[in-house]
Structure formats: structure tokens, C-alpha cells
Amino acid sequence: MSITKLEKNKVYADGLELGYAGTANPRKVRVRFFPQFITTTNHQTNVTQKHNLASPILIAQLLDGTGGPWTDRSVWAPHPKQWWAAEQLVGGVVYSPAHTADEVAYFADNAKFQEIGFKSADGSANQDPRHFGNATTKKEGEDAVAGLFFMINDSGTVLRVDKDGKPLNPDGTYVNAADDPATKKATDKEVVADDETPATETMTEKVKKWARWALYAGLATGAVFLVAIGVKKVSKPARKGK
């Protein structure tokens, strides 16, 4: 089986499932996005560290669950690019077939895994230390973040964006302040307030307004005139009968 390859200039959500990998026992694959900060816990020393990444990274995670050769890992076990690009055998049966270069193009490699502390005992960097000995960091590794989106630009760099593809800084603030919905809302309120002032009325609007007032004045004058005639008729002495 193969996994869905990620495309450039398309918005994806953290935790996106990419399909199934493996032939002996196919498992789900999903992508995790880490924009800048990550917490790791050494499963041997139980020392927790926070890392400020040099650049955002994407990690492919395999749904392991129970059974198989990786039962000491989390339910969603992360693997570097090299793992996906090579055939994994279980009892002589292909467990995970090698994926194409396009399918693994944007995943973090062994060097990036080791840089941020994703190291196993043999240094192969196939294990995520967040999944050991610390419930908080285990959750960070397991649970996709709602409302977290990413995009791969033309140069192949992964960036944090909002759901509409507007670029965000790693901390979630907008790169362009004008793209911030809160800024737009405040600006729209200011525009509406300004439009309600007489100073912003067009000449056409003024003419229409004066025409309406003239019409109202004319109708009022006519009404007064009719009332006056009626009063005059009523107050006139009635003629005596024959």
C-alpha cells in the first residue's frame, strides 16, 4: 500500500490521516505538524526539555496499538523519513513497503529527529521520547492540535497558516496584521461609524434628503390648507330655510 503524498500550496490540518501503510498488517498513517516549540522527555532519565526548533517540521506517525515489534511505543509511533523509504520486514513478510520520494518528501529525517531528542537506544531516532514517563508530553505526542494548520510553499518549506491559508508566525499571530480577523472587524466598525456621519454624505444623498424634506413640507402645508378650508365651512352660518 502507499500513503497519500502531501502537495504544495494546500492547507492541511494537524493530525491529517494519509491512508494505510504495510501489507502484512496495514496501519493508519497520519501527519503531525510542529510549528516551533516542542517538549521532550528522556524516557531513561525522565528529564523534560523544551526545544525551540530552527524551523517547523512534519512527522509521520504510524498507528501501532498493541502487537508488532514496537509495543513499547505510543499508539501513534513517529518515524523519520528514512524509515518510510525502506522496506520493513516482520517474520520475512513486508510490514511496511518502501514509499516513493514524493510520499516522504516533506517528513523530518533522522538528523532532525536527533536534533530535537527523538532518539532510541541505538541512535536510530525511531522513537519519540515524549511518549515515555511523562503524561503531559505523551499527550503532546499523541493528540493532534485542533485548529492547527500548515502549508508547504513552493520551495518545500512547511509553514504555519490559518484555515484559509493566511501565513502565521510560529506563535500563532498573523504575519500580516491586516489578515487578522480581529483587525478586520475593528476596521470594518470604524468604516461603518465614519459612513454614518454627515461629512461622508455624497451630493446625491444630500439632494435626495432635501427632496424628501421638501415633499414632507409640501404635504404638511397642503394638509393645513385643507383643514383651514374645512374649518371655514363649518363656522359659516347656516342659511335659513324657506
C-alpha atoms as a PDB file:
ATOM      1  CA  MET A   1       0.000   0.000   0.000  1.00  0.00           C
ATOM      2  CA  SER A   2       1.003   3.637  -0.280  1.00  0.00           C
ATOM      3  CA  ILE A   3       0.294   6.801   1.632  1.00  0.00           C
ATOM      4  CA  THR A   4      -1.134   9.986   0.170  1.00  0.00           C
ATOM      5  CA  LYS A   5       1.633  12.416  -0.700  1.00  0.00           C
ATOM      6  CA  LEU A   6       1.415  15.979   0.558  1.00  0.00           C
ATOM      7  CA  GLU A   7       1.035  18.744  -2.020  1.00  0.00           C
ATOM      8  CA  LYS A   8       2.443  22.244  -2.123  1.00  0.00           C
ATOM      9  CA  ASN A   9       0.280  25.320  -1.510  1.00  0.00           C
ATOM     10  CA  LYS A  10      -2.541  23.324   0.038  1.00  0.00           C
ATOM     11  CA  VAL A  11      -3.839  23.806   3.582  1.00  0.00           C
ATOM     12  CA  TYR A  12      -3.712  20.750   5.851  1.00  0.00           C
ATOM     13  CA  ALA A  13      -4.769  20.211   9.457  1.00  0.00           C
ATOM     14  CA  ASP A  14      -2.516  18.721  12.119  1.00  0.00           C
ATOM     15  CA  GLY A  15      -3.318  15.017  12.506  1.00  0.00           C
ATOM     16  CA  LEU A  16      -4.388  14.515   8.897  1.00  0.00           C
ATOM     17  CA  GLU A  17      -4.619  10.795   8.094  1.00  0.00           C
ATOM     18  CA  LEU A  18      -2.742   9.854   4.927  1.00  0.00           C
ATOM     19  CA  GLY A  19      -4.009   6.321   4.408  1.00  0.00           C
ATOM     20  CA  TYR A  20      -2.577   2.915   5.307  1.00  0.00           C
ATOM     21  CA  ALA A  21       0.933   1.506   5.236  1.00  0.00           C
ATOM     22  CA  GLY A  22       2.032  -2.112   5.222  1.00  0.00           C
ATOM     23  CA  THR A  23       0.854  -5.319   3.629  1.00  0.00           C
ATOM     24  CA  ALA A  24       1.115  -7.886   6.436  1.00  0.00           C
ATOM     25  CA  ASN A  25      -0.908  -5.778   8.848  1.00  0.00           C
ATOM     26  CA  PRO A  26      -1.837  -2.388   7.361  1.00  0.00           C
ATOM     27  CA  ARG A  27      -1.754   0.502   9.835  1.00  0.00           C
ATOM     28  CA  LYS A  28      -3.043   4.042   9.586  1.00  0.00           C
ATOM     29  CA  VAL A  29      -0.563   6.827   8.904  1.00  0.00           C
ATOM     30  CA  ARG A  30      -1.062  10.433   9.914  1.00  0.00           C
ATOM     31  CA  VAL A  31       0.999  13.601   9.725  1.00  0.00           C
ATOM     32  CA  ARG A  32       1.819  15.764  12.753  1.00  0.00           C
ATOM     33  CA  PHE A  33       2.890  19.395  12.448  1.00  0.00           C
ATOM     34  CA  PHE A  34       5.138  21.135  14.971  1.00  0.00           C
ATOM     35  CA  PRO A  35       5.451  24.876  14.243  1.00  0.00           C
ATOM     36  CA  GLN A  36       8.303  25.763  16.598  1.00  0.00           C
ATOM     37  CA  PHE A  37       8.194  24.649  20.201  1.00  0.00           C
ATOM     38  CA  ILE A  38       8.281  21.046  21.304  1.00  0.00           C
ATOM     39  CA  THR A  39       8.613  19.289  24.657  1.00  0.00           C
ATOM     40  CA  THR A  40      10.619  16.099  25.033  1.00  0.00           C
ATOM     41  CA  THR A  41      11.132  13.785  27.981  1.00  0.00           C
ATOM     42  CA  ASN A  42      14.082  11.396  28.149  1.00  0.00           C
ATOM     43  CA  HIS A  43      12.465   8.036  28.937  1.00  0.00           C
ATOM     44  CA  GLN A  44      15.601   6.856  30.742  1.00  0.00           C
ATOM     45  CA  THR A  45      16.324   9.909  32.919  1.00  0.00           C
ATOM     46  CA  ASN A  46      12.759  11.328  32.882  1.00  0.00           C
ATOM     47  CA  VAL A  47      14.258  14.771  32.257  1.00  0.00           C
ATOM     48  CA  THR A  48      11.907  17.074  30.351  1.00  0.00           C
ATOM     49  CA  GLN A  49      13.193  19.732  27.984  1.00  0.00           C
ATOM     50  CA  LYS A  50      11.613  22.357  25.773  1.00  0.00           C
ATOM     51  CA  HIS A  51      13.082  22.844  22.321  1.00  0.00           C
ATOM     52  CA  ASN A  52      12.844  25.884  20.064  1.00  0.00           C
ATOM     53  CA  LEU A  53      13.005  24.395  16.586  1.00  0.00           C
ATOM     54  CA  ALA A  54      15.082  26.099  13.905  1.00  0.00           C
ATOM     55  CA  SER A  55      12.186  25.509  11.517  1.00  0.00           C
ATOM     56  CA  PRO A  56       8.759  23.849  11.597  1.00  0.00           C
ATOM     57  CA  ILE A  57       8.709  20.091  10.972  1.00  0.00           C
ATOM     58  CA  LEU A  58       6.323  17.387   9.835  1.00  0.00           C
ATOM     59  CA  ILE A  59       6.374  13.923  11.387  1.00  0.00           C
ATOM     60  CA  ALA A  60       4.658  10.829  10.004  1.00  0.00           C
ATOM     61  CA  GLN A  61       3.142   8.645  12.694  1.00  0.00           C
ATOM     62  CA  LEU A  62       2.052   5.028  12.397  1.00  0.00           C
ATOM     63  CA  LEU A  63      -0.910   3.688  14.365  1.00  0.00           C
ATOM     64  CA  ASP A  64       0.747   0.827  16.237  1.00  0.00           C
ATOM     65  CA  GLY A  65      -1.614  -0.020  19.067  1.00  0.00           C
ATOM     66  CA  THR A  66      -0.739  -3.391  20.538  1.00  0.00           C
ATOM     67  CA  GLY A  67       1.190  -6.194  18.930  1.00  0.00           C
ATOM     68  CA  GLY A  68       4.044  -5.976  16.464  1.00  0.00           C
ATOM     69  CA  PRO A  69       7.658  -5.156  17.213  1.00  0.00           C
ATOM     70  CA  TRP A  70       7.004  -1.683  18.633  1.00  0.00           C
ATOM     71  CA  THR A  71       4.763  -2.401  21.600  1.00  0.00           C
ATOM     72  CA  ASP A  72       6.879  -0.221  23.903  1.00  0.00           C
ATOM     73  CA  ARG A  73       5.899   2.884  21.997  1.00  0.00           C
ATOM     74  CA  SER A  74       2.813   5.026  21.923  1.00  0.00           C
ATOM     75  CA  VAL A  75      -0.336   4.256  19.989  1.00  0.00           C
ATOM     76  CA  TRP A  76       0.859   6.717  17.322  1.00  0.00           C
ATOM     77  CA  ALA A  77       4.563   5.996  16.854  1.00  0.00           C
ATOM     78  CA  PRO A  78       6.577   8.572  14.877  1.00  0.00           C
ATOM     79  CA  HIS A  79       9.204   7.608  12.322  1.00  0.00           C
ATOM     80  CA  PRO A  80      11.728   9.625  10.312  1.00  0.00           C
ATOM     81  CA  LYS A  81      11.789   9.879   6.555  1.00  0.00           C
ATOM     82  CA  GLN A  82      14.350   7.090   6.206  1.00  0.00           C
ATOM     83  CA  TRP A  83      12.042   4.584   7.931  1.00  0.00           C
ATOM     84  CA  TRP A  84       9.310   5.149   5.385  1.00  0.00           C
ATOM     85  CA  ALA A  85      11.700   4.975   2.451  1.00  0.00           C
ATOM     86  CA  ALA A  86      12.859   1.430   3.306  1.00  0.00           C
ATOM     87  CA  GLU A  87      11.021  -1.890   3.456  1.00  0.00           C
ATOM     88  CA  GLN A  88      10.301  -3.120   6.982  1.00  0.00           C
ATOM     89  CA  LEU A  89      10.077  -6.899   7.384  1.00  0.00           C
ATOM     90  CA  VAL A  90       8.228  -8.802  10.100  1.00  0.00           C
ATOM     91  CA  GLY A  91       8.921 -12.531  10.025  1.00  0.00           C
ATOM     92  CA  GLY A  92      10.016 -12.316   6.422  1.00  0.00           C
ATOM     93  CA  VAL A  93       6.778 -10.552   5.414  1.00  0.00           C
ATOM     94  CA  VAL A  94       6.805  -6.951   4.229  1.00  0.00           C
ATOM     95  CA  TYR A  95       5.290  -4.936   7.070  1.00  0.00           C
ATOM     96  CA  SER A  96       5.821  -1.516   5.545  1.00  0.00           C
ATOM     97  CA  PRO A  97       6.759  -1.262   1.876  1.00  0.00           C
ATOM     98  CA  ALA A  98       9.172   1.432   0.792  1.00  0.00           C
ATOM     99  CA  HIS A  99       7.377   4.628  -0.136  1.00  0.00           C
ATOM    100  CA  THR A 100       8.249   6.904  -3.033  1.00  0.00           C
ATOM    101  CA  ALA A 101      10.350  10.047  -2.690  1.00  0.00           C
ATOM    102  CA  ASP A 102       7.230  12.148  -3.284  1.00  0.00           C
ATOM    103  CA  GLU A 103       5.368  10.401  -0.461  1.00  0.00           C
ATOM    104  CA  VAL A 104       8.078  11.084   2.118  1.00  0.00           C
ATOM    105  CA  ALA A 105       9.419  14.340   0.652  1.00  0.00           C
ATOM    106  CA  TYR A 106       8.460  16.672   3.489  1.00  0.00           C
ATOM    107  CA  PHE A 107       8.818  14.449   6.552  1.00  0.00           C
ATOM    108  CA  ALA A 108      11.582  15.083   9.101  1.00  0.00           C
ATOM    109  CA  ASP A 109      14.654  12.927   8.628  1.00  0.00           C
ATOM    110  CA  ASN A 110      16.895  11.180  11.157  1.00  0.00           C
ATOM    111  CA  ALA A 111      19.062  14.271  11.595  1.00  0.00           C
ATOM    112  CA  LYS A 112      16.075  16.409  12.547  1.00  0.00           C
ATOM    113  CA  PHE A 113      14.756  13.699  14.882  1.00  0.00           C
ATOM    114  CA  GLN A 114      18.058  13.512  16.724  1.00  0.00           C
ATOM    115  CA  GLU A 115      18.391  17.300  16.843  1.00  0.00           C
ATOM    116  CA  ILE A 116      15.202  17.583  18.889  1.00  0.00           C
ATOM    117  CA  GLY A 117      15.787  14.493  21.026  1.00  0.00           C
ATOM    118  CA  PHE A 118      13.879  11.779  19.150  1.00  0.00           C
ATOM    119  CA  LYS A 119      16.445   9.094  19.880  1.00  0.00           C
ATOM    120  CA  SER A 120      16.248   5.401  20.572  1.00  0.00           C
ATOM    121  CA  ALA A 121      18.935   3.435  22.399  1.00  0.00           C
ATOM    122  CA  ASP A 122      20.743   2.533  19.182  1.00  0.00           C
ATOM    123  CA  GLY A 123      20.594   6.100  17.869  1.00  0.00           C
ATOM    124  CA  SER A 124      18.269   5.231  15.009  1.00  0.00           C
ATOM    125  CA  ALA A 125      15.914   8.019  16.133  1.00  0.00           C
ATOM    126  CA  ASN A 126      12.796   5.937  15.533  1.00  0.00           C
ATOM    127  CA  GLN A 127      11.374   6.589  18.979  1.00  0.00           C
ATOM    128  CA  ASP A 128       9.772   9.739  20.299  1.00  0.00           C
ATOM    129  CA  PRO A 129      10.927  10.370  23.903  1.00  0.00           C
ATOM    130  CA  ARG A 130       7.767  12.362  24.578  1.00  0.00           C
ATOM    131  CA  HIS A 131       5.937   9.056  24.780  1.00  0.00           C
ATOM    132  CA  PHE A 132       7.722   7.800  27.845  1.00  0.00           C
ATOM    133  CA  GLY A 133       7.403   8.566  31.561  1.00  0.00           C
ATOM    134  CA  ASN A 134       5.510  11.834  31.378  1.00  0.00           C
ATOM    135  CA  ALA A 135       1.761  12.094  30.813  1.00  0.00           C
ATOM    136  CA  THR A 136       1.904  15.713  29.621  1.00  0.00           C
ATOM    137  CA  THR A 137       4.498  15.135  26.931  1.00  0.00           C
ATOM    138  CA  LYS A 138       2.858  11.847  25.974  1.00  0.00           C
ATOM    139  CA  LYS A 139      -0.348  13.767  25.273  1.00  0.00           C
ATOM    140  CA  GLU A 140       1.547  16.262  23.166  1.00  0.00           C
ATOM    141  CA  GLY A 141       2.852  13.432  21.063  1.00  0.00           C
ATOM    142  CA  GLU A 142      -0.472  11.594  20.841  1.00  0.00           C
ATOM    143  CA  ASP A 143      -3.126  14.247  20.375  1.00  0.00           C
ATOM    144  CA  ALA A 144      -3.484  16.311  17.226  1.00  0.00           C
ATOM    145  CA  VAL A 145      -3.979  20.008  17.908  1.00  0.00           C
ATOM    146  CA  ALA A 146      -7.402  21.329  16.891  1.00  0.00           C
ATOM    147  CA  GLY A 147      -7.208  24.496  14.808  1.00  0.00           C
ATOM    148  CA  LEU A 148      -3.544  23.991  13.866  1.00  0.00           C
ATOM    149  CA  PHE A 149      -2.930  24.185  10.105  1.00  0.00           C
ATOM    150  CA  PHE A 150       0.106  24.082   7.844  1.00  0.00           C
ATOM    151  CA  MET A 151       1.066  24.566   4.220  1.00  0.00           C
ATOM    152  CA  ILE A 152       4.100  23.623   2.139  1.00  0.00           C
ATOM    153  CA  ASN A 153       5.300  26.519  -0.025  1.00  0.00           C
ATOM    154  CA  ASP A 154       6.899  26.408  -3.481  1.00  0.00           C
ATOM    155  CA  SER A 155      10.370  25.923  -2.014  1.00  0.00           C
ATOM    156  CA  GLY A 156       9.223  22.898   0.003  1.00  0.00           C
ATOM    157  CA  THR A 157       9.276  24.665   3.367  1.00  0.00           C
ATOM    158  CA  VAL A 158       6.440  23.907   5.767  1.00  0.00           C
ATOM    159  CA  LEU A 159       4.747  26.982   7.263  1.00  0.00           C
ATOM    160  CA  ARG A 160       2.041  27.613   9.811  1.00  0.00           C
ATOM    161  CA  VAL A 161      -1.144  29.110   8.328  1.00  0.00           C
ATOM    162  CA  ASP A 162      -4.766  29.624   9.293  1.00  0.00           C
ATOM    163  CA  LYS A 163      -7.612  27.596   7.779  1.00  0.00           C
ATOM    164  CA  ASP A 164      -7.727  30.000   4.811  1.00  0.00           C
ATOM    165  CA  GLY A 165      -4.011  29.745   4.098  1.00  0.00           C
ATOM    166  CA  LYS A 166      -3.038  33.135   5.579  1.00  0.00           C
ATOM    167  CA  PRO A 167       0.551  32.941   6.942  1.00  0.00           C
ATOM    168  CA  LEU A 168       1.023  32.814  10.698  1.00  0.00           C
ATOM    169  CA  ASN A 169       4.079  33.180  12.902  1.00  0.00           C
ATOM    170  CA  PRO A 170       5.069  30.092  14.923  1.00  0.00           C
ATOM    171  CA  ASP A 171       3.280  31.567  17.961  1.00  0.00           C
ATOM    172  CA  GLY A 172       0.006  31.810  16.050  1.00  0.00           C
ATOM    173  CA  THR A 173      -0.010  35.571  15.391  1.00  0.00           C
ATOM    174  CA  TYR A 174      -0.569  36.774  11.839  1.00  0.00           C
ATOM    175  CA  VAL A 175       2.456  37.659   9.712  1.00  0.00           C
ATOM    176  CA  ASN A 176       0.363  40.379   8.089  1.00  0.00           C
ATOM    177  CA  ALA A 177      -1.680  42.155  10.742  1.00  0.00           C
ATOM    178  CA  ALA A 178      -4.289  43.080   8.122  1.00  0.00           C
ATOM    179  CA  ASP A 179      -5.116  39.358   7.730  1.00  0.00           C
ATOM    180  CA  ASP A 180      -6.131  39.072  11.391  1.00  0.00           C
ATOM    181  CA  PRO A 181      -9.951  38.736  11.588  1.00  0.00           C
ATOM    182  CA  ALA A 182      -9.895  40.811  14.788  1.00  0.00           C
ATOM    183  CA  THR A 183      -8.139  43.650  12.952  1.00  0.00           C
ATOM    184  CA  LYS A 184     -10.556  43.418  10.045  1.00  0.00           C
ATOM    185  CA  LYS A 185     -13.539  43.518  12.397  1.00  0.00           C
ATOM    186  CA  ALA A 186     -12.229  46.624  14.151  1.00  0.00           C
ATOM    187  CA  THR A 187     -11.513  48.309  10.805  1.00  0.00           C
ATOM    188  CA  ASP A 188     -14.996  47.496   9.500  1.00  0.00           C
ATOM    189  CA  LYS A 189     -16.541  49.055  12.618  1.00  0.00           C
ATOM    190  CA  GLU A 190     -14.549  52.241  12.069  1.00  0.00           C
ATOM    191  CA  VAL A 191     -15.644  52.426   8.436  1.00  0.00           C
ATOM    192  CA  VAL A 192     -19.308  51.944   9.377  1.00  0.00           C
ATOM    193  CA  ALA A 193     -19.052  54.635  12.058  1.00  0.00           C
ATOM    194  CA  ASP A 194     -17.474  57.079   9.596  1.00  0.00           C
ATOM    195  CA  ASP A 195     -20.105  56.375   6.948  1.00  0.00           C
ATOM    196  CA  GLU A 196     -22.850  57.323   9.394  1.00  0.00           C
ATOM    197  CA  THR A 197     -21.568  60.906   9.794  1.00  0.00           C
ATOM    198  CA  PRO A 198     -22.991  63.733   7.620  1.00  0.00           C
ATOM    199  CA  ALA A 199     -19.495  64.595   6.416  1.00  0.00           C
ATOM    200  CA  THR A 200     -19.359  61.431   4.335  1.00  0.00           C
ATOM    201  CA  GLU A 201     -22.699  62.010   2.565  1.00  0.00           C
ATOM    202  CA  THR A 202     -22.497  62.298  -1.200  1.00  0.00           C
ATOM    203  CA  MET A 203     -24.143  65.160  -3.079  1.00  0.00           C
ATOM    204  CA  THR A 204     -26.740  62.755  -4.454  1.00  0.00           C
ATOM    205  CA  GLU A 205     -27.648  61.644  -0.929  1.00  0.00           C
ATOM    206  CA  LYS A 206     -27.954  65.277   0.178  1.00  0.00           C
ATOM    207  CA  VAL A 207     -30.230  66.132  -2.778  1.00  0.00           C
ATOM    208  CA  LYS A 208     -32.413  63.130  -2.022  1.00  0.00           C
ATOM    209  CA  LYS A 209     -32.621  64.134   1.637  1.00  0.00           C
ATOM    210  CA  TRP A 210     -33.626  67.756   0.826  1.00  0.00           C
ATOM    211  CA  ALA A 211     -36.153  66.487  -1.722  1.00  0.00           C
ATOM    212  CA  ARG A 212     -37.741  64.306   0.948  1.00  0.00           C
ATOM    213  CA  TRP A 213     -37.921  67.249   3.373  1.00  0.00           C
ATOM    214  CA  ALA A 214     -39.445  69.468   0.668  1.00  0.00           C
ATOM    215  CA  LEU A 215     -42.048  66.794  -0.060  1.00  0.00           C
ATOM    216  CA  TYR A 216     -42.884  66.449   3.633  1.00  0.00           C
ATOM    217  CA  ALA A 217     -43.151  70.250   3.968  1.00  0.00           C
ATOM    218  CA  GLY A 218     -45.417  70.457   0.913  1.00  0.00           C
ATOM    219  CA  LEU A 219     -47.684  67.745   2.210  1.00  0.00           C
ATOM    220  CA  ALA A 220     -47.843  69.413   5.610  1.00  0.00           C
ATOM    221  CA  THR A 221     -48.730  72.790   4.058  1.00  0.00           C
ATOM    222  CA  GLY A 222     -51.409  71.190   1.917  1.00  0.00           C
ATOM    223  CA  ALA A 223     -52.878  69.443   4.934  1.00  0.00           C
ATOM    224  CA  VAL A 224     -53.026  72.738   6.868  1.00  0.00           C
ATOM    225  CA  PHE A 225     -54.702  74.454   3.914  1.00  0.00           C
ATOM    226  CA  LEU A 226     -57.365  71.744   3.650  1.00  0.00           C
ATOM    227  CA  VAL A 227     -58.001  71.861   7.367  1.00  0.00           C
ATOM    228  CA  ALA A 228     -58.400  75.627   7.210  1.00  0.00           C
ATOM    229  CA  ILE A 229     -60.980  75.342   4.409  1.00  0.00           C
ATOM    230  CA  GLY A 230     -62.900  72.751   6.378  1.00  0.00           C
ATOM    231  CA  VAL A 231     -62.944  74.920   9.483  1.00  0.00           C
ATOM    232  CA  LYS A 232     -64.166  77.890   7.473  1.00  0.00           C
ATOM    233  CA  LYS A 233     -67.047  75.896   6.042  1.00  0.00           C
ATOM    234  CA  VAL A 234     -68.081  74.613   9.404  1.00  0.00           C
ATOM    235  CA  SER A 235     -68.006  78.053  11.037  1.00  0.00           C
ATOM    236  CA  LYS A 236     -70.072  79.738   8.282  1.00  0.00           C
ATOM    237  CA  PRO A 237     -73.705  80.499   9.473  1.00  0.00           C
ATOM    238  CA  ALA A 238     -76.230  78.149   8.004  1.00  0.00           C
ATOM    239  CA  ARG A 239     -78.837  79.681   5.652  1.00  0.00           C
ATOM    240  CA  LYS A 240     -82.370  79.874   6.989  1.00  0.00           C
ATOM    241  CA  GLY A 241     -84.864  77.568   5.424  1.00  0.00           C
ATOM    242  CA  LYS A 242     -87.828  78.777   3.294  1.00  0.00           C
END
